[in-house]
């Protein structure tokens, strides 16, 4: 079966030099059995066979993996986008030069516009190192992206974050909401209400238009609200006879691989889907019961997500719904569309 996948995320290691207050990885921090180099190559070969557009390598902190450069060298040129997501603290000129040889993009986490905000979440001195990392990478010609994880602690600083991204010469500034798992539960940074989220994202996107930088969120209800093209596409879903045209692509054109070769539902919902050390990717893709559930999940949603006319263009975040309710089918309470019905 010839597949065409949009995106695969692979957490190459659970090792990390930080302990961020919103880290979802702490739910898998006990996993130390990373794939060997030969297993890494086998994984890449199988992902390539699925005609995958983007391979995103994350962690933990991927730069702590002793296998990273071998993996990047092997994967280079096999994908339209080869991405590394990093906290930036380990990026110096030598590391930036290495990454520039292989990757198309590097994503640096930036949870505030200054050290006061960012370092409160990620640790003392991390903001300065992240900014240096961005500049090192830019000097080597690497396309750099930044992403802010929105929570109660930093929600009032989104405009300053967008302004900083513009000042740094970045083409984009991304935001995503906090998912209450791992450290985010332990340290209670606080998820935003639907109205708070709408205001934060709306203000950031509007300000981005004003100063000339693209601002976006991964949540599809945000795209429907603030992106005219996405909204027009979503409006056509009632004519598609139940065909999923957007939203979470798990099991449709995307999957997630943990450090030890386990395919899980997603980074924020580590429900077992298969084990690449025991089965081929094709076998897991075609036979995993959890991936089959993912493909039919839009037909079984509950609450306002079930009633929403955009469910086949969005469907909400199942990890967010599960984290708050314990039910993967529950409505996504972070969405403001149809909020008056709840």
Protein backbone atom coordinates (compact mmCIF):
# COMPACT_ATOMS: atom_id res chain seq x y z
CA UNK A 1 0.00 0.00 0.00
CA UNK A 2 1.57 3.30 -1.12
CA UNK A 3 0.99 6.04 1.43
CA UNK A 4 1.57 9.76 1.30
CA UNK A 5 2.15 11.10 4.79
CA UNK A 6 2.36 14.78 5.65
CA UNK A 7 4.18 14.59 8.95
CA UNK A 8 5.99 12.25 11.31
CA UNK A 9 7.31 13.32 14.71
CA UNK A 10 10.04 11.23 16.27
CA UNK A 11 11.27 11.86 19.79
CA UNK A 12 14.81 10.57 19.36
CA UNK A 13 15.65 10.71 23.09
CA UNK A 14 14.03 11.36 26.45
CA UNK A 15 17.21 12.98 27.81
CA UNK A 16 16.97 16.70 28.50
CA UNK A 17 19.07 19.31 30.24
CA UNK A 18 16.02 21.32 31.36
CA UNK A 19 12.94 20.67 33.45
CA UNK A 20 10.43 23.09 31.94
CA UNK A 21 7.33 23.76 33.98
CA UNK A 22 4.99 22.78 31.13
CA UNK A 23 6.99 19.81 29.80
CA UNK A 24 4.84 16.98 28.51
CA UNK A 25 7.91 14.74 28.17
CA UNK A 26 8.06 14.10 31.90
CA UNK A 27 5.25 11.60 31.40
CA UNK A 28 7.80 9.40 29.57
CA UNK A 29 10.96 10.41 31.41
CA UNK A 30 11.64 6.83 32.54
CA UNK A 31 12.16 5.67 28.95
CA UNK A 32 15.91 5.23 28.42
CA UNK A 33 15.86 2.50 25.79
CA UNK A 34 16.50 4.70 22.73
CA UNK A 35 16.74 3.10 19.31
CA UNK A 36 20.18 1.99 18.15
CA UNK A 37 21.72 3.53 15.05
CA UNK A 38 20.71 0.53 12.93
CA UNK A 39 17.16 0.72 14.31
CA UNK A 40 17.11 4.46 13.58
CA UNK A 41 18.07 3.83 9.96
CA UNK A 42 15.41 1.14 9.65
CA UNK A 43 12.81 3.56 10.99
CA UNK A 44 13.88 6.27 8.53
CA UNK A 45 13.73 3.82 5.63
CA UNK A 46 10.19 2.85 6.53
CA UNK A 47 9.11 6.47 6.92
CA UNK A 48 10.63 7.25 3.51
CA UNK A 49 8.68 4.33 2.01
CA UNK A 50 5.53 6.10 3.20
CA UNK A 51 6.47 9.07 1.00
CA UNK A 52 6.59 11.37 4.02
CA UNK A 53 6.81 15.11 3.45
CA UNK A 54 8.16 16.19 6.88
CA UNK A 55 10.19 14.34 9.48
CA UNK A 56 10.41 16.30 12.72
CA UNK A 57 12.97 15.15 15.29
CA UNK A 58 12.34 16.20 18.88
CA UNK A 59 12.88 14.90 22.42
CA UNK A 60 13.68 15.49 25.26
CA UNK A 61 16.45 17.60 23.85
CA UNK A 62 17.52 15.96 20.57
CA UNK A 63 20.97 17.55 20.70
CA UNK A 64 21.71 15.33 23.71
CA UNK A 65 21.31 12.20 21.59
CA UNK A 66 24.70 10.74 20.61
CA UNK A 67 23.00 9.38 17.51
CA UNK A 68 21.57 12.66 16.24
CA UNK A 69 24.23 13.56 13.69
CA UNK A 70 24.28 10.01 12.30
CA UNK A 71 20.51 10.14 12.00
CA UNK A 72 20.48 13.55 10.33
CA UNK A 73 23.20 12.54 7.87
CA UNK A 74 21.21 9.43 6.94
CA UNK A 75 17.90 11.29 6.68
CA UNK A 76 19.22 14.33 4.80
CA UNK A 77 17.73 14.72 1.34
CA UNK A 78 15.08 12.06 1.92
CA UNK A 79 12.36 14.51 3.01
CA UNK A 80 11.14 17.86 1.75
CA UNK A 81 11.41 19.12 5.32
CA UNK A 82 13.77 17.73 7.93
CA UNK A 83 13.18 19.56 11.20
CA UNK A 84 14.88 19.54 14.59
CA UNK A 85 13.04 21.00 17.60
CA UNK A 86 15.34 22.24 20.35
CA UNK A 87 15.38 24.38 23.47
CA UNK A 88 18.42 26.11 21.98
CA UNK A 89 20.69 25.89 25.00
CA UNK A 90 23.21 23.57 23.34
CA UNK A 91 23.45 25.37 20.01
CA UNK A 92 26.82 26.99 19.42
CA UNK A 93 28.60 27.78 16.16
CA UNK A 94 29.82 24.21 15.75
CA UNK A 95 26.37 22.71 16.36
CA UNK A 96 24.76 25.28 14.06
CA UNK A 97 27.23 24.32 11.33
CA UNK A 98 26.38 20.64 11.80
CA UNK A 99 22.64 21.26 11.63
CA UNK A 100 23.02 23.46 8.56
CA UNK A 101 24.56 20.54 6.67
CA UNK A 102 21.51 18.36 7.06
CA UNK A 103 18.25 20.00 8.16
CA UNK A 104 15.87 22.36 6.42
CA UNK A 105 14.41 23.88 9.60
CA UNK A 106 15.11 24.24 13.31
CA UNK A 107 12.40 25.14 15.78
CA UNK A 108 13.44 26.91 18.97
CA UNK A 109 11.11 27.13 21.95
CA UNK A 110 10.56 30.70 23.11
CA UNK A 111 8.00 31.03 25.89
CA UNK A 112 8.36 34.73 26.52
CA UNK A 113 9.77 37.94 25.03
CA UNK A 114 12.40 38.35 27.72
CA UNK A 115 14.41 36.42 30.29
CA UNK A 116 11.99 37.24 33.12
CA UNK A 117 9.14 35.31 31.50
CA UNK A 118 11.01 32.65 29.53
CA UNK A 119 13.41 31.73 32.32
CA UNK A 120 10.64 31.41 34.90
CA UNK A 121 9.27 28.57 32.77
CA UNK A 122 12.50 27.02 31.43
CA UNK A 123 15.31 27.91 33.82
CA UNK A 124 17.82 30.65 34.60
CA UNK A 125 19.86 31.85 31.64
CA UNK A 126 17.89 29.87 29.05
CA UNK A 127 16.43 32.91 27.25
CA UNK A 128 19.85 34.36 26.36
CA UNK A 129 21.02 30.97 25.11
CA UNK A 130 17.88 30.56 22.96
CA UNK A 131 18.40 33.97 21.36
CA UNK A 132 22.06 33.14 20.68
CA UNK A 133 20.99 29.83 19.15
CA UNK A 134 18.62 31.59 16.77
CA UNK A 135 21.38 33.94 15.62
CA UNK A 136 23.96 31.16 15.25
CA UNK A 137 21.53 29.21 13.07
CA UNK A 138 20.56 32.23 11.00
CA UNK A 139 24.23 32.97 10.36
CA UNK A 140 24.56 29.45 8.91
CA UNK A 141 21.54 29.95 6.65
CA UNK A 142 19.15 27.68 8.57
CA UNK A 143 15.46 28.57 8.51
CA UNK A 144 14.49 29.10 12.14
CA UNK A 145 11.03 29.03 13.67
CA UNK A 146 9.93 29.86 17.19
CA UNK A 147 7.00 28.57 19.20
CA UNK A 148 5.44 29.88 22.38
CA UNK A 149 3.41 27.60 24.62
CA UNK A 150 0.53 29.70 25.92
CA UNK A 151 -0.41 29.44 29.58
CA UNK A 152 -1.71 31.74 32.29
CA UNK A 153 1.83 32.82 33.14
CA UNK A 154 2.73 34.25 29.73
CA UNK A 155 -0.62 34.99 28.05
CA UNK A 156 -0.28 38.75 28.55
CA UNK A 157 3.00 38.88 26.64
CA UNK A 158 1.99 37.56 23.23
CA UNK A 159 2.36 40.88 21.43
CA UNK A 160 5.87 41.36 22.80
CA UNK A 161 6.67 37.79 21.69
CA UNK A 162 5.49 38.54 18.14
CA UNK A 163 7.46 41.79 18.14
CA UNK A 164 10.61 39.93 19.24
CA UNK A 165 10.21 37.39 16.44
CA UNK A 166 9.94 40.25 13.97
CA UNK A 167 12.98 41.96 15.49
CA UNK A 168 14.97 38.74 15.12
CA UNK A 169 14.16 38.66 11.41
CA UNK A 170 12.04 35.51 11.61
CA UNK A 171 9.33 34.90 8.99
CA UNK A 172 6.88 33.34 11.46
CA UNK A 173 5.86 33.27 15.09
CA UNK A 174 3.88 30.25 16.27
CA UNK A 175 1.79 29.77 19.36
CA UNK A 176 0.25 26.67 20.88
CA UNK A 177 -1.81 26.27 24.00
CA UNK A 178 -0.58 24.34 26.98
CA UNK A 179 -1.82 20.75 27.28
CA UNK A 180 -2.31 19.79 30.96
CA UNK A 181 -0.11 16.70 31.10
CA UNK A 182 3.28 15.94 32.65
CA UNK A 183 4.87 18.92 34.36
CA UNK A 184 2.02 21.21 33.32
CA UNK A 185 -0.17 19.38 35.81
CA UNK A 186 2.48 19.24 38.52
CA UNK A 187 3.29 22.96 38.38
CA UNK A 188 -0.21 24.22 37.50
CA UNK A 189 0.78 26.82 34.90
CA UNK A 190 -2.87 26.87 33.90
CA UNK A 191 -4.62 26.39 30.58
CA UNK A 192 -6.50 29.30 29.06
CA UNK A 193 -10.28 29.49 28.89
CA UNK A 194 -11.75 29.49 25.40
CA UNK A 195 -12.38 33.25 25.56
CA UNK A 196 -8.84 33.93 26.79
CA UNK A 197 -7.40 31.75 24.04
CA UNK A 198 -9.46 33.49 21.38
CA UNK A 199 -8.29 36.91 22.57
CA UNK A 200 -4.61 35.89 22.80
CA UNK A 201 -4.50 34.29 19.37
CA UNK A 202 -6.66 36.96 17.74
CA UNK A 203 -4.58 39.80 19.15
CA UNK A 204 -1.31 38.09 18.16
CA UNK A 205 -2.45 37.37 14.59
CA UNK A 206 -3.82 40.90 14.16
CA UNK A 207 -0.59 42.41 15.46
CA UNK A 208 1.41 40.16 13.16
CA UNK A 209 -0.53 41.50 10.18
CA UNK A 210 0.18 45.02 11.37
CA UNK A 211 3.97 44.64 11.67
CA UNK A 212 4.44 42.19 8.81
CA UNK A 213 5.07 38.75 10.31
CA UNK A 214 3.04 35.58 9.93
CA UNK A 215 1.49 34.41 13.21
CA UNK A 216 -0.37 31.13 13.53
CA UNK A 217 -1.56 28.40 15.87
CA UNK A 218 -1.71 24.65 15.31
CA UNK A 219 -5.33 24.55 16.49
CA UNK A 220 -7.62 24.31 13.49
CA UNK A 221 -10.49 26.19 15.11
CA UNK A 222 -8.05 29.12 15.32
CA UNK A 223 -7.34 28.83 11.61
CA UNK A 224 -11.06 28.68 10.84
CA UNK A 225 -11.66 31.81 12.92
CA UNK A 226 -8.76 33.95 11.70
CA UNK A 227 -7.77 32.58 8.28
CA UNK A 228 -10.26 33.34 5.52
CA UNK A 229 -8.94 30.64 3.19
CA UNK A 230 -9.13 27.99 5.92
CA UNK A 231 -12.64 29.08 6.82
CA UNK A 232 -13.86 28.87 3.23
CA UNK A 233 -12.41 25.38 2.96
CA UNK A 234 -14.04 24.37 6.24
CA UNK A 235 -17.40 25.70 5.10
CA UNK A 236 -17.41 23.06 2.35
CA UNK A 237 -17.16 20.10 4.72
CA UNK A 238 -20.91 19.47 4.72
CA UNK A 239 -20.59 18.64 1.03
CA UNK A 240 -17.76 16.16 1.61
CA UNK A 241 -19.96 13.36 3.01
CA UNK A 242 -17.92 12.87 6.16
CA UNK A 243 -14.47 13.12 4.59
CA UNK A 244 -11.83 14.52 6.93
CA UNK A 245 -10.25 17.50 5.19
CA UNK A 246 -8.28 19.02 8.07
CA UNK A 247 -7.65 18.90 11.78
CA UNK A 248 -5.61 16.31 13.65
CA UNK A 249 -4.05 13.99 11.09
CA UNK A 250 -3.08 11.12 13.41
CA UNK A 251 -3.81 7.85 11.63
CA UNK A 252 -4.69 9.68 8.43
CA UNK A 253 -1.48 11.31 7.23
CA UNK A 254 0.61 11.50 10.38
CA UNK A 255 1.95 9.47 13.29
CA UNK A 256 4.23 9.82 16.31
CA UNK A 257 7.19 7.65 17.34
CA UNK A 258 8.53 7.51 20.88
CA UNK A 259 12.19 7.14 21.86
CA UNK A 260 12.06 3.36 22.01
CA UNK A 261 10.24 2.77 18.72
CA UNK A 262 6.75 2.70 20.17
CA UNK A 263 4.16 4.37 17.97
CA UNK A 264 1.81 6.23 20.29
CA UNK A 265 -1.35 8.20 19.57
CA UNK A 266 0.42 11.55 19.95
CA UNK A 267 3.10 13.22 22.09
CA UNK A 268 0.48 14.40 24.57
CA UNK A 269 -1.55 11.19 24.57
CA UNK A 270 0.91 8.27 24.73
CA UNK A 271 -1.60 5.49 24.07
CA UNK A 272 0.03 2.42 22.52
CA UNK A 273 -0.47 1.91 18.77
CA UNK A 274 2.39 -0.45 17.92
CA UNK A 275 6.05 -1.34 18.43
CA UNK A 276 8.48 -0.89 15.53
CA UNK A 277 10.90 -3.28 17.21
CA UNK A 278 8.30 -6.02 16.89
CA UNK A 279 6.31 -5.11 13.77
CA UNK A 280 6.78 -3.26 10.50
CA UNK A 281 5.40 0.23 10.07
CA UNK A 282 3.09 -1.00 7.32
CA UNK A 283 1.65 -3.68 9.60
CA UNK A 284 1.08 -1.20 12.43
CA UNK A 285 -0.44 1.39 10.11
CA UNK A 286 -2.88 -1.10 8.64
CA UNK A 287 -3.75 -3.10 11.75
CA UNK A 288 -3.41 -0.93 14.86
CA UNK A 289 -6.77 -0.73 16.64
CA UNK A 290 -5.88 2.68 18.07
CA UNK A 291 -5.06 4.10 14.64
CA UNK A 292 -8.36 2.70 13.36
CA UNK A 293 -10.08 4.56 16.19
CA UNK A 294 -8.23 7.73 15.17
CA UNK A 295 -9.54 7.41 11.61
CA UNK A 296 -13.17 7.13 12.72
CA UNK A 297 -13.05 9.45 15.70
CA UNK A 298 -14.81 12.40 14.02
CA UNK A 299 -17.98 10.30 13.74
CA UNK A 300 -18.04 9.59 17.47
CA UNK A 301 -17.23 12.93 19.09
CA UNK A 302 -19.31 14.22 21.98
CA UNK A 303 -20.63 17.57 23.13
CA UNK A 304 -20.19 20.68 21.05
CA UNK A 305 -17.53 18.98 18.87
CA UNK A 306 -20.14 16.43 17.78
CA UNK A 307 -22.57 19.19 16.84
CA UNK A 308 -20.03 21.45 15.18
CA UNK A 309 -20.35 21.93 11.44
CA UNK A 310 -16.57 22.12 11.25
CA UNK A 311 -15.82 18.76 12.87
CA UNK A 312 -14.41 17.26 9.66
CA UNK A 313 -12.20 20.34 9.22
CA UNK A 314 -11.13 20.48 12.87
CA UNK A 315 -12.34 17.90 15.38
CA UNK A 316 -10.60 19.63 18.27
CA UNK A 317 -7.57 18.29 20.12
CA UNK A 318 -8.20 14.80 21.46
CA UNK A 319 -5.23 15.01 23.86
CA UNK A 320 -6.59 18.21 25.38
CA UNK A 321 -10.05 16.68 25.73
CA UNK A 322 -8.64 13.54 27.33
CA UNK A 323 -6.38 15.48 29.71
CA UNK A 324 -9.34 17.45 31.06
CA UNK A 325 -12.02 14.75 31.06
CA UNK A 326 -10.43 11.30 30.74
CA UNK A 327 -12.51 10.78 27.58
CA UNK A 328 -10.80 10.92 24.19
CA UNK A 329 -14.17 11.61 22.54
CA UNK A 330 -15.14 14.54 24.77
CA UNK A 331 -15.56 18.05 23.43
CA UNK A 332 -12.53 20.31 23.26
CA UNK A 333 -13.42 22.96 25.84
CA UNK A 334 -10.59 25.19 24.66
CA UNK A 335 -12.46 25.94 21.43
CA UNK A 336 -14.66 29.04 21.41
CA UNK A 337 -16.76 28.01 18.40
CA UNK A 338 -20.21 27.03 19.65
CA UNK A 339 -19.05 27.85 23.18
CA UNK A 340 -22.46 29.32 23.95
CA UNK A 341 -23.97 25.86 23.54
CA UNK A 342 -21.87 24.36 26.32
